[in-house]
N, C-alpha and C. Protein backbone atom coordinates (compact mmCIF):
# COMPACT_ATOMS: atom_id res chain seq x y z
N MET A 1 0.83 -1.18 0.00
CA MET A 1 0.00 0.00 0.00
C MET A 1 0.88 1.25 0.00
N LYS A 2 0.59 2.16 -0.89
CA LYS A 2 1.37 3.39 -1.01
C LYS A 2 0.98 4.39 0.07
N ALA A 3 1.97 5.06 0.63
CA ALA A 3 1.69 6.10 1.62
C ALA A 3 1.12 7.33 0.93
N ASN A 4 0.24 8.01 1.61
CA ASN A 4 -0.32 9.25 1.08
C ASN A 4 0.75 10.34 1.22
N LYS A 5 1.28 10.79 0.09
CA LYS A 5 2.37 11.77 0.13
C LYS A 5 1.92 13.15 0.57
N ASN A 6 0.61 13.40 0.57
CA ASN A 6 0.11 14.70 0.99
C ASN A 6 -0.01 14.81 2.51
N LEU A 7 -0.11 13.66 3.18
CA LEU A 7 -0.23 13.69 4.63
C LEU A 7 1.16 13.71 5.23
N ASN A 8 1.40 14.67 6.11
CA ASN A 8 2.71 14.75 6.75
C ASN A 8 3.00 13.45 7.50
N GLU A 9 4.17 12.88 7.24
CA GLU A 9 4.57 11.67 7.95
C GLU A 9 4.93 12.02 9.40
N GLU A 10 5.49 13.20 9.57
CA GLU A 10 5.86 13.67 10.91
C GLU A 10 4.80 14.66 11.39
N PRO A 11 4.54 14.68 12.70
CA PRO A 11 3.58 15.66 13.21
C PRO A 11 4.05 17.09 12.96
N VAL A 12 3.09 17.97 12.72
CA VAL A 12 3.38 19.39 12.57
C VAL A 12 3.17 20.02 13.94
N LEU A 13 4.12 20.83 14.37
CA LEU A 13 4.03 21.48 15.68
C LEU A 13 3.38 22.85 15.58
N HIS A 14 2.59 23.18 16.56
CA HIS A 14 1.97 24.50 16.67
C HIS A 14 3.01 25.42 17.28
N GLU A 15 3.45 26.42 16.53
CA GLU A 15 4.54 27.27 17.01
C GLU A 15 4.11 28.71 17.26
N ILE A 16 2.79 28.96 17.25
CA ILE A 16 2.30 30.32 17.51
C ILE A 16 1.89 30.40 18.97
N ALA A 17 2.47 31.33 19.69
CA ALA A 17 2.17 31.47 21.12
C ALA A 17 0.74 31.98 21.31
N PRO A 18 0.09 31.55 22.38
CA PRO A 18 -1.25 32.07 22.64
C PRO A 18 -1.19 33.56 22.94
N VAL A 19 -2.29 34.25 22.65
CA VAL A 19 -2.41 35.68 22.97
C VAL A 19 -3.39 35.79 24.13
N TYR A 20 -2.92 36.28 25.25
CA TYR A 20 -3.76 36.47 26.43
C TYR A 20 -2.98 37.28 27.46
N ASP A 21 -3.70 37.81 28.43
CA ASP A 21 -3.08 38.41 29.60
C ASP A 21 -4.02 38.21 30.78
N GLU A 22 -3.68 38.78 31.92
CA GLU A 22 -4.47 38.55 33.14
C GLU A 22 -5.88 39.13 33.03
N ASN A 23 -6.13 40.02 32.06
CA ASN A 23 -7.45 40.62 31.89
C ASN A 23 -8.33 39.89 30.87
N SER A 24 -7.80 38.86 30.24
CA SER A 24 -8.57 38.13 29.22
C SER A 24 -9.78 37.46 29.85
N LYS A 25 -10.94 37.65 29.21
CA LYS A 25 -12.18 37.07 29.72
C LYS A 25 -12.79 36.05 28.76
N VAL A 26 -12.58 36.24 27.45
CA VAL A 26 -13.09 35.33 26.44
C VAL A 26 -11.92 34.68 25.74
N LEU A 27 -11.93 33.35 25.65
CA LEU A 27 -10.89 32.61 24.95
C LEU A 27 -11.50 32.02 23.68
N ILE A 28 -10.98 32.45 22.53
CA ILE A 28 -11.44 31.93 21.25
C ILE A 28 -10.43 30.89 20.76
N LEU A 29 -10.95 29.71 20.46
CA LEU A 29 -10.09 28.60 20.05
C LEU A 29 -10.34 28.19 18.61
N GLY A 30 -9.27 28.05 17.86
CA GLY A 30 -9.32 27.40 16.56
C GLY A 30 -8.88 25.97 16.74
N SER A 31 -8.80 25.23 15.65
CA SER A 31 -8.35 23.85 15.73
C SER A 31 -6.83 23.80 15.68
N PHE A 32 -6.25 24.22 14.54
CA PHE A 32 -4.81 24.19 14.30
C PHE A 32 -4.52 25.23 13.21
N PRO A 33 -3.38 25.92 13.28
CA PRO A 33 -3.11 26.98 12.30
C PRO A 33 -3.04 26.44 10.86
N SER A 34 -3.62 27.21 9.95
CA SER A 34 -3.53 26.88 8.53
C SER A 34 -2.09 27.06 8.05
N ILE A 35 -1.81 26.61 6.84
CA ILE A 35 -0.48 26.82 6.27
C ILE A 35 -0.16 28.32 6.24
N LYS A 36 -1.11 29.14 5.81
CA LYS A 36 -0.88 30.59 5.73
C LYS A 36 -0.61 31.17 7.12
N SER A 37 -1.32 30.69 8.13
CA SER A 37 -1.08 31.18 9.49
C SER A 37 0.30 30.75 9.97
N ARG A 38 0.67 29.51 9.68
CA ARG A 38 2.01 29.04 10.09
C ARG A 38 3.09 29.84 9.37
N GLU A 39 2.86 30.17 8.09
CA GLU A 39 3.84 30.97 7.34
C GLU A 39 3.94 32.39 7.88
N SER A 40 2.80 32.98 8.26
CA SER A 40 2.81 34.36 8.75
C SER A 40 3.21 34.45 10.22
N GLY A 41 3.13 33.32 10.92
CA GLY A 41 3.51 33.30 12.33
C GLY A 41 2.44 33.85 13.26
N PHE A 42 1.17 33.89 12.77
CA PHE A 42 0.11 34.39 13.62
C PHE A 42 -1.23 33.79 13.19
N PHE A 43 -2.19 33.88 14.10
CA PHE A 43 -3.50 33.28 13.91
C PHE A 43 -4.27 33.91 12.75
N TYR A 44 -5.02 33.07 12.06
CA TYR A 44 -5.93 33.50 11.00
C TYR A 44 -5.20 34.36 9.96
N GLY A 45 -4.11 33.79 9.45
CA GLY A 45 -3.26 34.48 8.49
C GLY A 45 -3.73 34.41 7.04
N HIS A 46 -4.69 33.55 6.74
CA HIS A 46 -5.18 33.47 5.36
C HIS A 46 -6.01 34.72 5.07
N PRO A 47 -5.71 35.42 3.97
CA PRO A 47 -6.42 36.67 3.69
C PRO A 47 -7.94 36.51 3.51
N GLN A 48 -8.39 35.31 3.17
CA GLN A 48 -9.83 35.09 3.00
C GLN A 48 -10.54 34.71 4.30
N ASN A 49 -9.77 34.41 5.35
CA ASN A 49 -10.42 34.10 6.63
C ASN A 49 -11.02 35.38 7.19
N ARG A 50 -12.24 35.28 7.69
CA ARG A 50 -12.98 36.48 8.11
C ARG A 50 -12.86 36.77 9.61
N PHE A 51 -11.99 36.05 10.31
CA PHE A 51 -11.86 36.21 11.76
C PHE A 51 -11.64 37.68 12.17
N TRP A 52 -10.64 38.33 11.59
CA TRP A 52 -10.31 39.70 12.00
C TRP A 52 -11.42 40.66 11.61
N LYS A 53 -12.08 40.43 10.48
CA LYS A 53 -13.20 41.28 10.06
C LYS A 53 -14.39 41.10 11.01
N VAL A 54 -14.63 39.86 11.44
CA VAL A 54 -15.74 39.60 12.37
C VAL A 54 -15.50 40.33 13.69
N LEU A 55 -14.32 40.16 14.26
CA LEU A 55 -14.04 40.83 15.55
C LEU A 55 -14.09 42.35 15.41
N ALA A 56 -13.48 42.88 14.35
CA ALA A 56 -13.51 44.33 14.16
C ALA A 56 -14.94 44.82 13.99
N GLY A 57 -15.77 44.06 13.28
CA GLY A 57 -17.17 44.43 13.10
C GLY A 57 -17.93 44.44 14.42
N ILE A 58 -17.68 43.46 15.25
CA ILE A 58 -18.33 43.39 16.57
C ILE A 58 -17.89 44.56 17.44
N LEU A 59 -16.59 44.85 17.40
CA LEU A 59 -16.03 45.87 18.29
C LEU A 59 -16.17 47.29 17.73
N GLY A 60 -16.59 47.41 16.47
CA GLY A 60 -16.77 48.72 15.87
C GLY A 60 -15.48 49.48 15.63
N ILE A 61 -14.44 48.74 15.25
CA ILE A 61 -13.14 49.34 15.01
C ILE A 61 -12.61 48.91 13.64
N PRO A 62 -11.59 49.61 13.12
CA PRO A 62 -11.01 49.20 11.84
C PRO A 62 -10.38 47.81 11.95
N VAL A 63 -10.37 47.09 10.84
CA VAL A 63 -9.77 45.76 10.81
C VAL A 63 -8.25 45.90 11.00
N PRO A 64 -7.69 45.21 11.99
CA PRO A 64 -6.24 45.30 12.22
C PRO A 64 -5.48 44.61 11.09
N VAL A 65 -4.31 45.13 10.78
CA VAL A 65 -3.53 44.59 9.67
C VAL A 65 -2.28 43.86 10.15
N THR A 66 -1.49 44.51 11.00
CA THR A 66 -0.24 43.91 11.46
C THR A 66 -0.48 42.99 12.65
N ILE A 67 0.48 42.15 12.92
CA ILE A 67 0.38 41.26 14.09
C ILE A 67 0.27 42.10 15.36
N ASN A 68 1.04 43.17 15.47
CA ASN A 68 0.97 44.01 16.67
C ASN A 68 -0.41 44.64 16.82
N GLU A 69 -1.01 45.09 15.71
CA GLU A 69 -2.36 45.66 15.77
C GLU A 69 -3.38 44.60 16.20
N LYS A 70 -3.21 43.39 15.71
CA LYS A 70 -4.13 42.29 16.06
C LYS A 70 -4.01 41.94 17.55
N LYS A 71 -2.77 41.85 18.04
CA LYS A 71 -2.57 41.56 19.46
C LYS A 71 -3.16 42.68 20.33
N ALA A 72 -2.92 43.92 19.93
CA ALA A 72 -3.44 45.06 20.70
C ALA A 72 -4.96 45.04 20.73
N MET A 73 -5.59 44.73 19.60
CA MET A 73 -7.05 44.66 19.55
C MET A 73 -7.56 43.57 20.50
N LEU A 74 -6.96 42.40 20.43
CA LEU A 74 -7.40 41.29 21.29
C LEU A 74 -7.26 41.65 22.76
N LEU A 75 -6.06 42.05 23.15
CA LEU A 75 -5.80 42.32 24.56
C LEU A 75 -6.57 43.54 25.05
N GLY A 76 -6.76 44.53 24.18
CA GLY A 76 -7.51 45.72 24.54
C GLY A 76 -8.99 45.47 24.77
N HIS A 77 -9.47 44.30 24.31
CA HIS A 77 -10.88 43.95 24.48
C HIS A 77 -11.06 42.65 25.28
N SER A 78 -10.04 42.31 26.06
CA SER A 78 -10.08 41.15 26.97
C SER A 78 -10.34 39.83 26.25
N ILE A 79 -9.79 39.71 25.03
CA ILE A 79 -9.96 38.49 24.23
C ILE A 79 -8.63 37.75 24.15
N ALA A 80 -8.69 36.45 24.40
CA ALA A 80 -7.53 35.58 24.25
C ALA A 80 -7.77 34.69 23.03
N VAL A 81 -6.70 34.30 22.34
CA VAL A 81 -6.81 33.43 21.17
C VAL A 81 -5.74 32.36 21.25
N TRP A 82 -6.16 31.14 20.93
CA TRP A 82 -5.23 30.02 20.82
C TRP A 82 -5.90 28.94 20.01
N ASP A 83 -5.25 27.79 19.92
CA ASP A 83 -5.80 26.64 19.21
C ASP A 83 -5.82 25.44 20.14
N VAL A 84 -6.69 24.51 19.83
CA VAL A 84 -6.83 23.31 20.65
C VAL A 84 -5.60 22.41 20.53
N ILE A 85 -5.06 22.30 19.33
CA ILE A 85 -4.02 21.30 19.04
C ILE A 85 -2.61 21.87 19.16
N ALA A 86 -1.74 21.11 19.85
CA ALA A 86 -0.32 21.45 19.96
C ALA A 86 0.47 20.84 18.81
N SER A 87 0.08 19.64 18.39
CA SER A 87 0.71 19.00 17.24
C SER A 87 -0.24 17.95 16.67
N CYS A 88 -0.07 17.70 15.37
CA CYS A 88 -0.89 16.70 14.69
C CYS A 88 -0.27 16.41 13.33
N ARG A 89 -0.80 15.41 12.69
CA ARG A 89 -0.51 15.19 11.27
C ARG A 89 -1.69 15.79 10.52
N ILE A 90 -1.39 16.55 9.47
CA ILE A 90 -2.44 17.25 8.74
C ILE A 90 -2.04 17.37 7.27
N THR A 91 -3.02 17.25 6.39
CA THR A 91 -2.79 17.47 4.97
C THR A 91 -3.13 18.92 4.67
N GLY A 92 -2.12 19.70 4.27
CA GLY A 92 -2.34 21.11 3.97
C GLY A 92 -2.91 21.84 5.16
N SER A 93 -4.11 22.42 4.95
CA SER A 93 -4.80 23.14 6.02
C SER A 93 -6.14 22.50 6.34
N SER A 94 -6.35 21.28 5.88
CA SER A 94 -7.65 20.62 5.97
C SER A 94 -7.93 20.05 7.37
N ASP A 95 -8.89 20.66 8.07
CA ASP A 95 -9.28 20.15 9.39
C ASP A 95 -9.72 18.69 9.32
N SER A 96 -10.34 18.30 8.22
CA SER A 96 -10.86 16.93 8.12
C SER A 96 -9.74 15.89 8.03
N SER A 97 -8.51 16.34 7.75
CA SER A 97 -7.39 15.40 7.64
C SER A 97 -6.60 15.27 8.94
N ILE A 98 -6.96 16.00 9.97
CA ILE A 98 -6.20 16.00 11.23
C ILE A 98 -6.19 14.61 11.86
N LYS A 99 -4.98 14.16 12.20
CA LYS A 99 -4.79 12.85 12.84
C LYS A 99 -3.72 12.99 13.93
N ASP A 100 -3.70 12.03 14.82
CA ASP A 100 -2.67 11.95 15.88
C ASP A 100 -2.56 13.27 16.66
N VAL A 101 -3.67 13.68 17.22
CA VAL A 101 -3.77 14.95 17.94
C VAL A 101 -3.08 14.89 19.30
N VAL A 102 -2.29 15.93 19.55
CA VAL A 102 -1.77 16.19 20.89
C VAL A 102 -2.31 17.57 21.25
N PRO A 103 -3.15 17.66 22.29
CA PRO A 103 -3.75 18.95 22.63
C PRO A 103 -2.78 19.90 23.33
N ASN A 104 -3.07 21.19 23.22
CA ASN A 104 -2.32 22.19 23.98
C ASN A 104 -2.69 22.06 25.45
N ASP A 105 -1.80 22.54 26.32
CA ASP A 105 -2.04 22.56 27.76
C ASP A 105 -2.59 23.93 28.12
N PHE A 106 -3.82 23.96 28.60
CA PHE A 106 -4.51 25.23 28.87
C PHE A 106 -4.33 25.71 30.31
N GLU A 107 -3.59 24.98 31.12
CA GLU A 107 -3.43 25.33 32.53
C GLU A 107 -2.85 26.73 32.72
N LYS A 108 -1.83 27.09 31.94
CA LYS A 108 -1.17 28.39 32.11
C LYS A 108 -2.16 29.53 31.84
N ILE A 109 -2.94 29.43 30.78
CA ILE A 109 -3.91 30.49 30.48
C ILE A 109 -4.99 30.54 31.55
N LEU A 110 -5.57 29.39 31.85
CA LEU A 110 -6.71 29.36 32.77
C LEU A 110 -6.32 29.72 34.21
N SER A 111 -5.06 29.52 34.57
CA SER A 111 -4.64 29.86 35.94
C SER A 111 -4.21 31.32 36.07
N SER A 112 -3.92 31.98 34.94
CA SER A 112 -3.45 33.36 35.04
C SER A 112 -4.42 34.39 34.47
N ALA A 113 -5.39 33.96 33.68
CA ALA A 113 -6.39 34.88 33.11
C ALA A 113 -7.74 34.60 33.75
N CYS A 114 -8.64 35.55 33.63
CA CYS A 114 -9.99 35.41 34.20
C CYS A 114 -10.97 34.96 33.11
N ILE A 115 -10.69 33.82 32.50
CA ILE A 115 -11.52 33.35 31.39
C ILE A 115 -12.92 33.00 31.89
N GLU A 116 -13.90 33.70 31.34
CA GLU A 116 -15.30 33.47 31.71
C GLU A 116 -16.04 32.64 30.65
N ARG A 117 -15.53 32.68 29.41
CA ARG A 117 -16.21 31.98 28.33
C ARG A 117 -15.17 31.47 27.33
N ILE A 118 -15.38 30.26 26.86
CA ILE A 118 -14.55 29.69 25.81
C ILE A 118 -15.43 29.54 24.57
N CYS A 119 -14.94 30.05 23.45
CA CYS A 119 -15.67 29.98 22.19
C CYS A 119 -14.82 29.22 21.18
N ALA A 120 -15.43 28.27 20.49
CA ALA A 120 -14.74 27.51 19.46
C ALA A 120 -15.10 28.09 18.10
N ASN A 121 -14.09 28.40 17.31
CA ASN A 121 -14.29 28.93 15.97
C ASN A 121 -14.52 27.75 15.02
N GLY A 122 -15.76 27.29 14.98
CA GLY A 122 -16.13 26.20 14.08
C GLY A 122 -16.33 24.87 14.78
N ALA A 123 -16.98 23.97 14.06
CA ALA A 123 -17.34 22.67 14.61
C ALA A 123 -16.13 21.80 14.93
N THR A 124 -15.10 21.84 14.09
CA THR A 124 -13.93 21.00 14.34
C THR A 124 -13.22 21.43 15.61
N ALA A 125 -13.02 22.73 15.79
CA ALA A 125 -12.38 23.22 17.02
C ALA A 125 -13.20 22.81 18.24
N TRP A 126 -14.54 22.91 18.12
CA TRP A 126 -15.42 22.54 19.23
C TRP A 126 -15.31 21.05 19.54
N LYS A 127 -15.36 20.21 18.53
CA LYS A 127 -15.26 18.75 18.74
C LYS A 127 -13.92 18.37 19.37
N LEU A 128 -12.85 18.97 18.88
CA LEU A 128 -11.53 18.68 19.43
C LEU A 128 -11.43 19.15 20.88
N TYR A 129 -11.97 20.32 21.16
CA TYR A 129 -11.98 20.82 22.54
C TYR A 129 -12.75 19.85 23.44
N GLU A 130 -13.95 19.47 23.02
CA GLU A 130 -14.79 18.56 23.81
C GLU A 130 -14.06 17.25 24.10
N LYS A 131 -13.38 16.71 23.10
CA LYS A 131 -12.72 15.41 23.24
C LYS A 131 -11.42 15.48 24.06
N TYR A 132 -10.59 16.48 23.78
CA TYR A 132 -9.24 16.49 24.34
C TYR A 132 -9.02 17.45 25.51
N VAL A 133 -9.80 18.52 25.61
CA VAL A 133 -9.48 19.56 26.59
C VAL A 133 -10.53 19.68 27.69
N LYS A 134 -11.81 19.62 27.34
CA LYS A 134 -12.85 19.81 28.34
C LYS A 134 -12.71 18.86 29.54
N PRO A 135 -12.31 17.60 29.34
CA PRO A 135 -12.16 16.73 30.51
C PRO A 135 -11.20 17.28 31.57
N SER A 136 -10.19 18.05 31.14
CA SER A 136 -9.24 18.59 32.12
C SER A 136 -9.65 19.98 32.63
N THR A 137 -10.37 20.76 31.81
CA THR A 137 -10.74 22.11 32.25
C THR A 137 -12.09 22.12 32.95
N GLY A 138 -12.97 21.22 32.55
CA GLY A 138 -14.32 21.21 33.09
C GLY A 138 -15.18 22.36 32.59
N MET A 139 -14.65 23.16 31.66
CA MET A 139 -15.39 24.32 31.15
C MET A 139 -16.05 23.99 29.82
N ASP A 140 -17.31 24.41 29.68
CA ASP A 140 -18.01 24.25 28.41
C ASP A 140 -17.46 25.25 27.40
N ALA A 141 -17.61 24.91 26.13
CA ALA A 141 -17.24 25.83 25.05
C ALA A 141 -18.47 26.08 24.19
N VAL A 142 -18.60 27.29 23.70
CA VAL A 142 -19.67 27.66 22.78
C VAL A 142 -19.18 27.36 21.37
N LYS A 143 -19.97 26.64 20.59
CA LYS A 143 -19.61 26.35 19.20
C LYS A 143 -20.14 27.46 18.32
N LEU A 144 -19.25 28.26 17.73
CA LEU A 144 -19.62 29.34 16.83
C LEU A 144 -19.34 28.93 15.39
N PRO A 145 -20.06 29.50 14.43
CA PRO A 145 -19.79 29.16 13.03
C PRO A 145 -18.38 29.62 12.64
N SER A 146 -17.73 28.80 11.85
CA SER A 146 -16.36 29.07 11.45
C SER A 146 -16.23 30.32 10.59
N THR A 147 -15.14 31.05 10.81
CA THR A 147 -14.83 32.22 9.99
C THR A 147 -14.03 31.84 8.75
N SER A 148 -13.76 30.56 8.58
CA SER A 148 -12.99 30.06 7.44
C SER A 148 -13.70 30.37 6.12
N PRO A 149 -12.93 30.61 5.06
CA PRO A 149 -13.55 30.80 3.76
C PRO A 149 -14.29 29.54 3.28
N ALA A 150 -13.95 28.40 3.85
CA ALA A 150 -14.66 27.16 3.49
C ALA A 150 -16.11 27.18 3.97
N ASN A 151 -16.42 28.02 4.94
CA ASN A 151 -17.79 28.14 5.46
C ASN A 151 -18.53 29.22 4.67
N ALA A 152 -18.76 28.93 3.40
CA ALA A 152 -19.39 29.91 2.50
C ALA A 152 -20.88 30.09 2.79
N ALA A 153 -21.48 29.21 3.57
CA ALA A 153 -22.91 29.32 3.89
C ALA A 153 -23.20 30.53 4.77
N TRP A 154 -22.19 31.03 5.47
CA TRP A 154 -22.37 32.17 6.37
C TRP A 154 -21.72 33.41 5.76
N SER A 155 -22.49 34.48 5.61
CA SER A 155 -21.94 35.75 5.15
C SER A 155 -21.20 36.42 6.30
N LEU A 156 -20.40 37.42 5.97
CA LEU A 156 -19.71 38.18 7.01
C LEU A 156 -20.71 38.79 7.98
N GLU A 157 -21.79 39.34 7.47
CA GLU A 157 -22.80 39.97 8.32
C GLU A 157 -23.45 38.94 9.27
N GLN A 158 -23.71 37.75 8.76
CA GLN A 158 -24.30 36.70 9.60
C GLN A 158 -23.33 36.27 10.70
N LEU A 159 -22.06 36.15 10.34
CA LEU A 159 -21.05 35.77 11.33
C LEU A 159 -20.97 36.82 12.44
N ILE A 160 -20.92 38.08 12.05
CA ILE A 160 -20.84 39.16 13.04
C ILE A 160 -22.05 39.10 13.97
N GLU A 161 -23.22 38.94 13.40
CA GLU A 161 -24.46 38.91 14.19
C GLU A 161 -24.45 37.74 15.18
N CYS A 162 -24.02 36.58 14.73
CA CYS A 162 -23.98 35.40 15.60
C CYS A 162 -22.90 35.53 16.68
N TRP A 163 -21.71 35.93 16.27
CA TRP A 163 -20.58 35.99 17.20
C TRP A 163 -20.75 37.07 18.26
N LYS A 164 -21.43 38.18 17.93
CA LYS A 164 -21.43 39.32 18.86
C LYS A 164 -22.07 39.03 20.21
N GLY A 165 -22.97 38.08 20.25
CA GLY A 165 -23.59 37.72 21.52
C GLY A 165 -22.64 37.03 22.49
N TYR A 166 -21.51 36.57 21.99
CA TYR A 166 -20.56 35.82 22.83
C TYR A 166 -19.24 36.53 23.05
N ILE A 167 -18.95 37.51 22.20
CA ILE A 167 -17.64 38.16 22.26
C ILE A 167 -17.70 39.49 23.01
N LYS A 168 -18.74 40.25 22.83
CA LYS A 168 -18.81 41.58 23.43
C LYS A 168 -19.16 41.52 24.89
């Protein structure tokens, strides 16, 4: 049987540090960084991902462009961002191909920030959180519609309307 050359033989490591501080109240979780995010060194790096537009729309501010602007927006509004997975095997950026999951350790964030709500950006992030992280945190997560361009069923306006009840 031939090996699938598109699936990484070695696990891919999550190398983007979480964004949070002691004032963070909402933790937004993705599943694992896309190729574009890994290349840019920051969350939601694909230009078609609507994450930054959704948050800016909710907060009524301009869409941040640089990593420093994005971090300042998050921390200035008590929002923390990270991903469920620390390492996995993945084909490209496809959540459906994720295998051999090793979850991130959330103890450092949860012990130093005042997280009141955990929100999962999409069904995959929510399922992974439920399976690998919730047993250790005991905290429920809200499943929000994904900001990924693959979620074409949701317009930007619909995403903003849905997300705003949990982020603001």
